[in-house]
Amino acid sequence: MSEEYGNSLVSVLDDEGNEHQFELLDAIETDEGRYVALLPVYTEAELALEDDGELVILEVVNDEGDDLLVPIEDDEVFANIAEIFEERLEDLYEINELDEPETLS
């Protein structure tokens, strides 16, 4: 279950009832469904430093009028959606992949 706070923060309850805060980076709709790309938000600086920076990509499903965020079960669909988000976010945030460091011979 999710509840939005403003335009970019989303609160998500996990299966155990724990609340987690995320920043909504992007949302898309495809023929397969609706999806969101989220980034965890931490209240403690230590936790933010330990985070690996990976996006959380979830499917938005409607359950009796409520939008729920659920994991994408199909690996192929997940890979396709992740690729779409990566391309979109690279354009939005001007993300450049780091070149491999050159080795001295």
PDB file of N, CA and C in Angstrom:
ATOM      1  N   MET A   1       0.854  -1.170   0.000  1.00  0.00           N
ATOM      2  CA  MET A   1       0.000   0.000   0.000  1.00  0.00           C
ATOM      3  C   MET A   1       0.890   1.219   0.000  1.00  0.00           C
ATOM      4  N   SER A   2       0.529   2.238  -0.719  1.00  0.00           N
ATOM      5  CA  SER A   2       1.343   3.443  -0.760  1.00  0.00           C
ATOM      6  C   SER A   2       0.481   4.665  -0.508  1.00  0.00           C
ATOM      7  N   GLU A   3       1.141   5.675   0.015  1.00  0.00           N
ATOM      8  CA  GLU A   3       0.484   6.945   0.239  1.00  0.00           C
ATOM      9  C   GLU A   3       1.466   8.020  -0.172  1.00  0.00           C
ATOM     10  N   GLU A   4       1.047   8.954  -1.015  1.00  0.00           N
ATOM     11  CA  GLU A   4       1.963   9.969  -1.501  1.00  0.00           C
ATOM     12  C   GLU A   4       1.993  11.165  -0.578  1.00  0.00           C
ATOM     13  N   TYR A   5       3.185  11.733  -0.398  1.00  0.00           N
ATOM     14  CA  TYR A   5       3.391  12.964   0.347  1.00  0.00           C
ATOM     15  C   TYR A   5       3.987  13.965  -0.626  1.00  0.00           C
ATOM     16  N   GLY A   6       3.208  14.932  -1.072  1.00  0.00           N
ATOM     17  CA  GLY A   6       3.716  15.881  -2.044  1.00  0.00           C
ATOM     18  C   GLY A   6       3.899  15.214  -3.387  1.00  0.00           C
ATOM     19  N   ASN A   7       4.805  15.788  -4.186  1.00  0.00           N
ATOM     20  CA  ASN A   7       4.997  15.266  -5.532  1.00  0.00           C
ATOM     21  C   ASN A   7       5.999  14.128  -5.618  1.00  0.00           C
ATOM     22  N   SER A   8       6.982  14.068  -4.710  1.00  0.00           N
ATOM     23  CA  SER A   8       8.042  13.117  -4.967  1.00  0.00           C
ATOM     24  C   SER A   8       8.342  12.127  -3.841  1.00  0.00           C
ATOM     25  N   LEU A   9       7.682  12.199  -2.706  1.00  0.00           N
ATOM     26  CA  LEU A   9       7.927  11.228  -1.648  1.00  0.00           C
ATOM     27  C   LEU A   9       6.763  10.259  -1.530  1.00  0.00           C
ATOM     28  N   VAL A  10       7.111   8.982  -1.376  1.00  0.00           N
ATOM     29  CA  VAL A  10       6.109   7.929  -1.272  1.00  0.00           C
ATOM     30  C   VAL A  10       6.430   7.095  -0.039  1.00  0.00           C
ATOM     31  N   SER A  11       5.412   6.782   0.723  1.00  0.00           N
ATOM     32  CA  SER A  11       5.561   5.907   1.872  1.00  0.00           C
ATOM     33  C   SER A  11       5.003   4.544   1.486  1.00  0.00           C
ATOM     34  N   VAL A  12       5.801   3.490   1.712  1.00  0.00           N
ATOM     35  CA  VAL A  12       5.414   2.140   1.325  1.00  0.00           C
ATOM     36  C   VAL A  12       5.444   1.244   2.562  1.00  0.00           C
ATOM     37  N   LEU A  13       4.372   0.466   2.724  1.00  0.00           N
ATOM     38  CA  LEU A  13       4.332  -0.527   3.800  1.00  0.00           C
ATOM     39  C   LEU A  13       4.760  -1.871   3.235  1.00  0.00           C
ATOM     40  N   ASP A  14       5.719  -2.527   3.919  1.00  0.00           N
ATOM     41  CA  ASP A  14       6.131  -3.852   3.466  1.00  0.00           C
ATOM     42  C   ASP A  14       5.184  -4.911   4.029  1.00  0.00           C
ATOM     43  N   ASP A  15       5.459  -6.171   3.734  1.00  0.00           N
ATOM     44  CA  ASP A  15       4.592  -7.278   4.162  1.00  0.00           C
ATOM     45  C   ASP A  15       4.483  -7.398   5.678  1.00  0.00           C
ATOM     46  N   GLU A  16       5.476  -6.877   6.390  1.00  0.00           N
ATOM     47  CA  GLU A  16       5.483  -6.968   7.847  1.00  0.00           C
ATOM     48  C   GLU A  16       4.908  -5.723   8.509  1.00  0.00           C
ATOM     49  N   GLY A  17       4.395  -4.779   7.700  1.00  0.00           N
ATOM     50  CA  GLY A  17       3.794  -3.564   8.238  1.00  0.00           C
ATOM     51  C   GLY A  17       4.776  -2.453   8.536  1.00  0.00           C
ATOM     52  N   ASN A  18       6.042  -2.611   8.137  1.00  0.00           N
ATOM     53  CA  ASN A  18       7.049  -1.575   8.341  1.00  0.00           C
ATOM     54  C   ASN A  18       6.942  -0.528   7.238  1.00  0.00           C
ATOM     55  N   GLU A  19       7.024   0.737   7.623  1.00  0.00           N
ATOM     56  CA  GLU A  19       6.920   1.829   6.660  1.00  0.00           C
ATOM     57  C   GLU A  19       8.306   2.225   6.161  1.00  0.00           C
ATOM     58  N   HIS A  20       8.420   2.417   4.843  1.00  0.00           N
ATOM     59  CA  HIS A  20       9.670   2.838   4.219  1.00  0.00           C
ATOM     60  C   HIS A  20       9.385   4.055   3.348  1.00  0.00           C
ATOM     61  N   GLN A  21      10.294   5.024   3.376  1.00  0.00           N
ATOM     62  CA  GLN A  21      10.162   6.239   2.579  1.00  0.00           C
ATOM     63  C   GLN A  21      11.005   6.129   1.313  1.00  0.00           C
ATOM     64  N   PHE A  22      10.428   6.568   0.192  1.00  0.00           N
ATOM     65  CA  PHE A  22      11.125   6.570  -1.084  1.00  0.00           C
ATOM     66  C   PHE A  22      10.881   7.876  -1.802  1.00  0.00           C
ATOM     67  N   GLU A  23      11.845   8.263  -2.622  1.00  0.00           N
ATOM     68  CA  GLU A  23      11.655   9.380  -3.538  1.00  0.00           C
ATOM     69  C   GLU A  23      11.211   8.789  -4.871  1.00  0.00           C
ATOM     70  N   LEU A  24      10.116   9.298  -5.401  1.00  0.00           N
ATOM     71  CA  LEU A  24       9.610   8.850  -6.698  1.00  0.00           C
ATOM     72  C   LEU A  24      10.413   9.566  -7.782  1.00  0.00           C
ATOM     73  N   LEU A  25      11.236   8.811  -8.500  1.00  0.00           N
ATOM     74  CA  LEU A  25      12.072   9.399  -9.535  1.00  0.00           C
ATOM     75  C   LEU A  25      11.388   9.444 -10.891  1.00  0.00           C
ATOM     76  N   ASP A  26      10.594   8.410 -11.186  1.00  0.00           N
ATOM     77  CA  ASP A  26       9.963   8.338 -12.496  1.00  0.00           C
ATOM     78  C   ASP A  26       8.823   7.326 -12.449  1.00  0.00           C
ATOM     79  N   ALA A  27       7.885   7.481 -13.353  1.00  0.00           N
ATOM     80  CA  ALA A  27       6.766   6.548 -13.495  1.00  0.00           C
ATOM     81  C   ALA A  27       6.472   6.389 -14.973  1.00  0.00           C
ATOM     82  N   ILE A  28       6.181   5.151 -15.378  1.00  0.00           N
ATOM     83  CA  ILE A  28       5.855   4.892 -16.781  1.00  0.00           C
ATOM     84  C   ILE A  28       4.656   3.952 -16.861  1.00  0.00           C
ATOM     85  N   GLU A  29       4.031   3.980 -18.028  1.00  0.00           N
ATOM     86  CA  GLU A  29       2.960   3.038 -18.325  1.00  0.00           C
ATOM     87  C   GLU A  29       3.286   2.397 -19.666  1.00  0.00           C
ATOM     88  N   THR A  30       3.270   1.053 -19.689  1.00  0.00           N
ATOM     89  CA  THR A  30       3.544   0.304 -20.913  1.00  0.00           C
ATOM     90  C   THR A  30       2.359  -0.611 -21.184  1.00  0.00           C
ATOM     91  N   ASP A  31       2.471  -1.410 -22.236  1.00  0.00           N
ATOM     92  CA  ASP A  31       1.429  -2.387 -22.533  1.00  0.00           C
ATOM     93  C   ASP A  31       1.317  -3.431 -21.419  1.00  0.00           C
ATOM     94  N   GLU A  32       2.436  -3.679 -20.705  1.00  0.00           N
ATOM     95  CA  GLU A  32       2.434  -4.670 -19.623  1.00  0.00           C
ATOM     96  C   GLU A  32       1.824  -4.137 -18.335  1.00  0.00           C
ATOM     97  N   GLY A  33       1.881  -2.815 -18.112  1.00  0.00           N
ATOM     98  CA  GLY A  33       1.342  -2.253 -16.877  1.00  0.00           C
ATOM     99  C   GLY A  33       1.956  -0.912 -16.536  1.00  0.00           C
ATOM    100  N   ARG A  34       1.757  -0.503 -15.265  1.00  0.00           N
ATOM    101  CA  ARG A  34       2.306   0.754 -14.758  1.00  0.00           C
ATOM    102  C   ARG A  34       3.429   0.431 -13.779  1.00  0.00           C
ATOM    103  N   TYR A  35       4.492   1.252 -13.837  1.00  0.00           N
ATOM    104  CA  TYR A  35       5.679   0.980 -13.033  1.00  0.00           C
ATOM    105  C   TYR A  35       6.254   2.281 -12.481  1.00  0.00           C
ATOM    106  N   VAL A  36       6.954   2.172 -11.341  1.00  0.00           N
ATOM    107  CA  VAL A  36       7.612   3.328 -10.741  1.00  0.00           C
ATOM    108  C   VAL A  36       9.063   2.976 -10.425  1.00  0.00           C
ATOM    109  N   ALA A  37       9.922   3.987 -10.497  1.00  0.00           N
ATOM    110  CA  ALA A  37      11.318   3.871 -10.081  1.00  0.00           C
ATOM    111  C   ALA A  37      11.476   4.715  -8.827  1.00  0.00           C
ATOM    112  N   LEU A  38      11.928   4.069  -7.758  1.00  0.00           N
ATOM    113  CA  LEU A  38      12.032   4.725  -6.460  1.00  0.00           C
ATOM    114  C   LEU A  38      13.465   4.663  -5.950  1.00  0.00           C
ATOM    115  N   LEU A  39      13.801   5.629  -5.107  1.00  0.00           N
ATOM    116  CA  LEU A  39      15.088   5.660  -4.437  1.00  0.00           C
ATOM    117  C   LEU A  39      14.825   5.798  -2.945  1.00  0.00           C
ATOM    118  N   PRO A  40      15.420   4.931  -2.117  1.00  0.00           N
ATOM    119  CA  PRO A  40      15.160   5.006  -0.668  1.00  0.00           C
ATOM    120  C   PRO A  40      15.566   6.356  -0.087  1.00  0.00           C
ATOM    121  N   VAL A  41      14.785   6.821   0.889  1.00  0.00           N
ATOM    122  CA  VAL A  41      15.085   8.043   1.627  1.00  0.00           C
ATOM    123  C   VAL A  41      15.350   7.629   3.064  1.00  0.00           C
ATOM    124  N   TYR A  42      16.454   8.105   3.604  1.00  0.00           N
ATOM    125  CA  TYR A  42      16.839   7.717   4.961  1.00  0.00           C
ATOM    126  C   TYR A  42      16.818   8.927   5.886  1.00  0.00           C
ATOM    127  N   THR A  43      16.412   8.693   7.125  1.00  0.00           N
ATOM    128  CA  THR A  43      16.431   9.754   8.130  1.00  0.00           C
ATOM    129  C   THR A  43      17.771   9.796   8.854  1.00  0.00           C
ATOM    130  N   GLU A  44      18.529   8.707   8.785  1.00  0.00           N
ATOM    131  CA  GLU A  44      19.834   8.635   9.431  1.00  0.00           C
ATOM    132  C   GLU A  44      20.925   8.654   8.364  1.00  0.00           C
ATOM    133  N   ALA A  45      21.890   9.562   8.523  1.00  0.00           N
ATOM    134  CA  ALA A  45      22.966   9.714   7.546  1.00  0.00           C
ATOM    135  C   ALA A  45      23.761   8.427   7.373  1.00  0.00           C
ATOM    136  N   GLU A  46      23.966   7.679   8.438  1.00  0.00           N
ATOM    137  CA  GLU A  46      24.722   6.441   8.374  1.00  0.00           C
ATOM    138  C   GLU A  46      24.100   5.443   7.400  1.00  0.00           C
ATOM    139  N   LEU A  47      22.772   5.326   7.467  1.00  0.00           N
ATOM    140  CA  LEU A  47      22.080   4.401   6.565  1.00  0.00           C
ATOM    141  C   LEU A  47      22.201   4.850   5.115  1.00  0.00           C
ATOM    142  N   ALA A  48      22.141   6.156   4.879  1.00  0.00           N
ATOM    143  CA  ALA A  48      22.268   6.676   3.516  1.00  0.00           C
ATOM    144  C   ALA A  48      23.647   6.370   2.949  1.00  0.00           C
ATOM    145  N   LEU A  49      24.679   6.481   3.787  1.00  0.00           N
ATOM    146  CA  LEU A  49      26.038   6.198   3.321  1.00  0.00           C
ATOM    147  C   LEU A  49      26.238   4.720   3.003  1.00  0.00           C
ATOM    148  N   GLU A  50      25.527   3.843   3.699  1.00  0.00           N
ATOM    149  CA  GLU A  50      25.642   2.403   3.486  1.00  0.00           C
ATOM    150  C   GLU A  50      24.827   1.910   2.294  1.00  0.00           C
ATOM    151  N   ASP A  51      23.894   2.737   1.805  1.00  0.00           N
ATOM    152  CA  ASP A  51      23.022   2.332   0.703  1.00  0.00           C
ATOM    153  C   ASP A  51      23.824   2.160  -0.581  1.00  0.00           C
ATOM    154  N   ASP A  52      23.458   1.157  -1.384  1.00  0.00           N
ATOM    155  CA  ASP A  52      24.167   0.891  -2.634  1.00  0.00           C
ATOM    156  C   ASP A  52      23.710   1.769  -3.793  1.00  0.00           C
ATOM    157  N   GLY A  53      22.661   2.565  -3.584  1.00  0.00           N
ATOM    158  CA  GLY A  53      22.201   3.495  -4.610  1.00  0.00           C
ATOM    159  C   GLY A  53      21.384   2.867  -5.720  1.00  0.00           C
ATOM    160  N   GLU A  54      21.004   1.609  -5.577  1.00  0.00           N
ATOM    161  CA  GLU A  54      20.213   0.960  -6.620  1.00  0.00           C
ATOM    162  C   GLU A  54      18.763   1.418  -6.565  1.00  0.00           C
ATOM    163  N   LEU A  55      18.176   1.535  -7.735  1.00  0.00           N
ATOM    164  CA  LEU A  55      16.763   1.889  -7.830  1.00  0.00           C
ATOM    165  C   LEU A  55      15.893   0.731  -7.365  1.00  0.00           C
ATOM    166  N   VAL A  56      14.751   1.077  -6.815  1.00  0.00           N
ATOM    167  CA  VAL A  56      13.728   0.091  -6.502  1.00  0.00           C
ATOM    168  C   VAL A  56      12.659   0.266  -7.567  1.00  0.00           C
ATOM    169  N   ILE A  57      12.419  -0.773  -8.347  1.00  0.00           N
ATOM    170  CA  ILE A  57      11.439  -0.712  -9.429  1.00  0.00           C
ATOM    171  C   ILE A  57      10.285  -1.629  -9.068  1.00  0.00           C
ATOM    172  N   LEU A  58       9.084  -1.044  -9.008  1.00  0.00           N
ATOM    173  CA  LEU A  58       7.896  -1.790  -8.610  1.00  0.00           C
ATOM    174  C   LEU A  58       6.778  -1.587  -9.612  1.00  0.00           C
ATOM    175  N   GLU A  59       5.857  -2.538  -9.640  1.00  0.00           N
ATOM    176  CA  GLU A  59       4.667  -2.433 -10.482  1.00  0.00           C
ATOM    177  C   GLU A  59       3.542  -1.808  -9.663  1.00  0.00           C
ATOM    178  N   VAL A  60       2.742  -0.980 -10.310  1.00  0.00           N
ATOM    179  CA  VAL A  60       1.574  -0.372  -9.674  1.00  0.00           C
ATOM    180  C   VAL A  60       0.356  -1.181 -10.106  1.00  0.00           C
ATOM    181  N   VAL A  61      -0.321  -1.790  -9.135  1.00  0.00           N
ATOM    182  CA  VAL A  61      -1.538  -2.544  -9.443  1.00  0.00           C
ATOM    183  C   VAL A  61      -2.698  -1.939  -8.663  1.00  0.00           C
ATOM    184  N   ASN A  62      -3.876  -1.971  -9.263  1.00  0.00           N
ATOM    185  CA  ASN A  62      -5.056  -1.431  -8.608  1.00  0.00           C
ATOM    186  C   ASN A  62      -5.823  -2.571  -7.955  1.00  0.00           C
ATOM    187  N   ASP A  63      -6.061  -2.433  -6.660  1.00  0.00           N
ATOM    188  CA  ASP A  63      -6.781  -3.445  -5.890  1.00  0.00           C
ATOM    189  C   ASP A  63      -7.968  -2.769  -5.225  1.00  0.00           C
ATOM    190  N   GLU A  64      -9.142  -2.959  -5.806  1.00  0.00           N
ATOM    191  CA  GLU A  64     -10.385  -2.388  -5.281  1.00  0.00           C
ATOM    192  C   GLU A  64     -10.280  -0.885  -5.050  1.00  0.00           C
ATOM    193  N   GLY A  65      -9.707  -0.180  -6.038  1.00  0.00           N
ATOM    194  CA  GLY A  65      -9.619   1.270  -5.976  1.00  0.00           C
ATOM    195  C   GLY A  65      -8.353   1.807  -5.330  1.00  0.00           C
ATOM    196  N   ASP A  66      -7.557   0.945  -4.721  1.00  0.00           N
ATOM    197  CA  ASP A  66      -6.306   1.370  -4.098  1.00  0.00           C
ATOM    198  C   ASP A  66      -5.142   0.963  -4.983  1.00  0.00           C
ATOM    199  N   ASP A  67      -4.183   1.882  -5.182  1.00  0.00           N
ATOM    200  CA  ASP A  67      -2.963   1.539  -5.900  1.00  0.00           C
ATOM    201  C   ASP A  67      -1.987   0.888  -4.936  1.00  0.00           C
ATOM    202  N   LEU A  68      -1.508  -0.287  -5.316  1.00  0.00           N
ATOM    203  CA  LEU A  68      -0.519  -1.017  -4.524  1.00  0.00           C
ATOM    204  C   LEU A  68       0.774  -1.119  -5.317  1.00  0.00           C
ATOM    205  N   LEU A  69       1.896  -1.054  -4.629  1.00  0.00           N
ATOM    206  CA  LEU A  69       3.199  -1.239  -5.251  1.00  0.00           C
ATOM    207  C   LEU A  69       3.664  -2.648  -4.930  1.00  0.00           C
ATOM    208  N   VAL A  70       3.923  -3.435  -5.984  1.00  0.00           N
ATOM    209  CA  VAL A  70       4.301  -4.833  -5.808  1.00  0.00           C
ATOM    210  C   VAL A  70       5.544  -5.145  -6.640  1.00  0.00           C
ATOM    211  N   PRO A  71       6.329  -6.124  -6.194  1.00  0.00           N
ATOM    212  CA  PRO A  71       7.498  -6.527  -6.982  1.00  0.00           C
ATOM    213  C   PRO A  71       7.081  -7.072  -8.352  1.00  0.00           C
ATOM    214  N   ILE A  72       7.948  -6.903  -9.324  1.00  0.00           N
ATOM    215  CA  ILE A  72       7.717  -7.447 -10.660  1.00  0.00           C
ATOM    216  C   ILE A  72       8.219  -8.888 -10.643  1.00  0.00           C
ATOM    217  N   GLU A  73       7.315  -9.833 -10.843  1.00  0.00           N
ATOM    218  CA  GLU A  73       7.647 -11.257 -10.727  1.00  0.00           C
ATOM    219  C   GLU A  73       8.376 -11.813 -11.950  1.00  0.00           C
ATOM    220  N   ASP A  74       8.042 -11.334 -13.142  1.00  0.00           N
ATOM    221  CA  ASP A  74       8.606 -11.854 -14.381  1.00  0.00           C
ATOM    222  C   ASP A  74       9.977 -11.202 -14.636  1.00  0.00           C
ATOM    223  N   ASP A  75      11.041 -12.018 -14.683  1.00  0.00           N
ATOM    224  CA  ASP A  75      12.398 -11.505 -14.850  1.00  0.00           C
ATOM    225  C   ASP A  75      12.582 -10.747 -16.172  1.00  0.00           C
ATOM    226  N   GLU A  76      11.961 -11.239 -17.240  1.00  0.00           N
ATOM    227  CA  GLU A  76      12.092 -10.586 -18.544  1.00  0.00           C
ATOM    228  C   GLU A  76      11.408  -9.219 -18.533  1.00  0.00           C
ATOM    229  N   VAL A  77      10.211  -9.150 -17.960  1.00  0.00           N
ATOM    230  CA  VAL A  77       9.505  -7.873 -17.847  1.00  0.00           C
ATOM    231  C   VAL A  77      10.322  -6.917 -16.992  1.00  0.00           C
ATOM    232  N   PHE A  78      10.861  -7.405 -15.868  1.00  0.00           N
ATOM    233  CA  PHE A  78      11.682  -6.556 -14.999  1.00  0.00           C
ATOM    234  C   PHE A  78      12.874  -5.987 -15.766  1.00  0.00           C
ATOM    235  N   ALA A  79      13.575  -6.838 -16.510  1.00  0.00           N
ATOM    236  CA  ALA A  79      14.744  -6.384 -17.269  1.00  0.00           C
ATOM    237  C   ALA A  79      14.360  -5.316 -18.285  1.00  0.00           C
ATOM    238  N   ASN A  80      13.234  -5.507 -18.980  1.00  0.00           N
ATOM    239  CA  ASN A  80      12.783  -4.523 -19.961  1.00  0.00           C
ATOM    240  C   ASN A  80      12.422  -3.194 -19.303  1.00  0.00           C
ATOM    241  N   ILE A  81      11.702  -3.253 -18.185  1.00  0.00           N
ATOM    242  CA  ILE A  81      11.287  -2.032 -17.487  1.00  0.00           C
ATOM    243  C   ILE A  81      12.504  -1.320 -16.900  1.00  0.00           C
ATOM    244  N   ALA A  82      13.436  -2.089 -16.328  1.00  0.00           N
ATOM    245  CA  ALA A  82      14.650  -1.500 -15.764  1.00  0.00           C
ATOM    246  C   ALA A  82      15.440  -0.766 -16.844  1.00  0.00           C
ATOM    247  N   GLU A  83      15.532  -1.348 -18.023  1.00  0.00           N
ATOM    248  CA  GLU A  83      16.247  -0.711 -19.134  1.00  0.00           C
ATOM    249  C   GLU A  83      15.574   0.600 -19.540  1.00  0.00           C
ATOM    250  N   ILE A  84      14.256   0.597 -19.594  1.00  0.00           N
ATOM    251  CA  ILE A  84      13.518   1.828 -19.934  1.00  0.00           C
ATOM    252  C   ILE A  84      13.807   2.913 -18.902  1.00  0.00           C
ATOM    253  N   PHE A  85      13.723   2.561 -17.616  1.00  0.00           N
ATOM    254  CA  PHE A  85      13.998   3.547 -16.569  1.00  0.00           C
ATOM    255  C   PHE A  85      15.432   4.052 -16.642  1.00  0.00           C
ATOM    256  N   GLU A  86      16.386   3.159 -16.858  1.00  0.00           N
ATOM    257  CA  GLU A  86      17.785   3.579 -16.946  1.00  0.00           C
ATOM    258  C   GLU A  86      17.986   4.603 -18.045  1.00  0.00           C
ATOM    259  N   GLU A  87      17.396   4.340 -19.223  1.00  0.00           N
ATOM    260  CA  GLU A  87      17.526   5.276 -20.342  1.00  0.00           C
ATOM    261  C   GLU A  87      16.878   6.615 -20.018  1.00  0.00           C
ATOM    262  N   ARG A  88      15.675   6.572 -19.452  1.00  0.00           N
ATOM    263  CA  ARG A  88      14.954   7.804 -19.119  1.00  0.00           C
ATOM    264  C   ARG A  88      15.696   8.607 -18.050  1.00  0.00           C
ATOM    265  N   LEU A  89      16.199   7.928 -17.029  1.00  0.00           N
ATOM    266  CA  LEU A  89      16.871   8.630 -15.935  1.00  0.00           C
ATOM    267  C   LEU A  89      18.236   9.157 -16.362  1.00  0.00           C
ATOM    268  N   GLU A  90      18.917   8.444 -17.261  1.00  0.00           N
ATOM    269  CA  GLU A  90      20.175   8.963 -17.800  1.00  0.00           C
ATOM    270  C   GLU A  90      19.937  10.298 -18.489  1.00  0.00           C
ATOM    271  N   ASP A  91      18.830  10.395 -19.249  1.00  0.00           N
ATOM    272  CA  ASP A  91      18.500  11.639 -19.935  1.00  0.00           C
ATOM    273  C   ASP A  91      18.094  12.727 -18.953  1.00  0.00           C
ATOM    274  N   LEU A  92      17.260  12.385 -17.965  1.00  0.00           N
ATOM    275  CA  LEU A  92      16.771  13.377 -17.005  1.00  0.00           C
ATOM    276  C   LEU A  92      17.866  13.916 -16.103  1.00  0.00           C
ATOM    277  N   TYR A  93      18.750  13.040 -15.656  1.00  0.00           N
ATOM    278  CA  TYR A  93      19.751  13.431 -14.668  1.00  0.00           C
ATOM    279  C   TYR A  93      21.162  13.498 -15.231  1.00  0.00           C
ATOM    280  N   GLU A  94      21.305  13.384 -16.552  1.00  0.00           N
ATOM    281  CA  GLU A  94      22.594  13.436 -17.221  1.00  0.00           C
ATOM    282  C   GLU A  94      23.607  12.515 -16.556  1.00  0.00           C
ATOM    283  N   ILE A  95      23.203  11.251 -16.405  1.00  0.00           N
ATOM    284  CA  ILE A  95      24.071  10.246 -15.789  1.00  0.00           C
ATOM    285  C   ILE A  95      24.991   9.683 -16.856  1.00  0.00           C
ATOM    286  N   ASN A  96      26.266   9.692 -16.569  1.00  0.00           N
ATOM    287  CA  ASN A  96      27.246   9.122 -17.485  1.00  0.00           C
ATOM    288  C   ASN A  96      27.910   7.948 -16.788  1.00  0.00           C
ATOM    289  N   GLU A  97      28.024   6.847 -17.509  1.00  0.00           N
ATOM    290  CA  GLU A  97      28.715   5.703 -16.936  1.00  0.00           C
ATOM    291  C   GLU A  97      30.204   6.016 -16.903  1.00  0.00           C
ATOM    292  N   LEU A  98      30.853   5.578 -15.828  1.00  0.00           N
ATOM    293  CA  LEU A  98      32.278   5.783 -15.703  1.00  0.00           C
ATOM    294  C   LEU A  98      33.022   4.852 -16.645  1.00  0.00           C
ATOM    295  N   ASP A  99      34.048   5.408 -17.285  1.00  0.00           N
ATOM    296  CA  ASP A  99      34.885   4.572 -18.136  1.00  0.00           C
ATOM    297  C   ASP A  99      35.737   3.669 -17.255  1.00  0.00           C
ATOM    298  N   GLU A 100      36.072   2.506 -17.799  1.00  0.00           N
ATOM    299  CA  GLU A 100      36.952   1.600 -17.074  1.00  0.00           C
ATOM    300  C   GLU A 100      38.301   2.277 -16.926  1.00  0.00           C
ATOM    301  N   PRO A 101      38.920   2.188 -15.739  1.00  0.00           N
ATOM    302  CA  PRO A 101      40.235   2.802 -15.557  1.00  0.00           C
ATOM    303  C   PRO A 101      41.262   2.118 -16.445  1.00  0.00           C
ATOM    304  N   GLU A 102      42.165   2.921 -16.977  1.00  0.00           N
ATOM    305  CA  GLU A 102      43.211   2.358 -17.808  1.00  0.00           C
ATOM    306  C   GLU A 102      44.267   1.719 -16.926  1.00  0.00           C
ATOM    307  N   THR A 103      44.772   0.604 -17.377  1.00  0.00           N
ATOM    308  CA  THR A 103      45.826  -0.080 -16.615  1.00  0.00           C
ATOM    309  C   THR A 103      47.170   0.237 -17.245  1.00  0.00           C
ATOM    310  N   LEU A 104      48.149   0.412 -16.400  1.00  0.00           N
ATOM    311  CA  LEU A 104      49.504   0.669 -16.910  1.00  0.00           C
ATOM    312  C   LEU A 104      50.195  -0.644 -17.157  1.00  0.00           C
ATOM    313  N   SER A 105      50.842  -0.735 -18.290  1.00  0.00           N
ATOM    314  CA  SER A 105      51.543  -1.987 -18.636  1.00  0.00           C
ATOM    315  C   SER A 105      52.975  -1.919 -18.245  1.00  0.00           C
TER     316      SER A 105
END
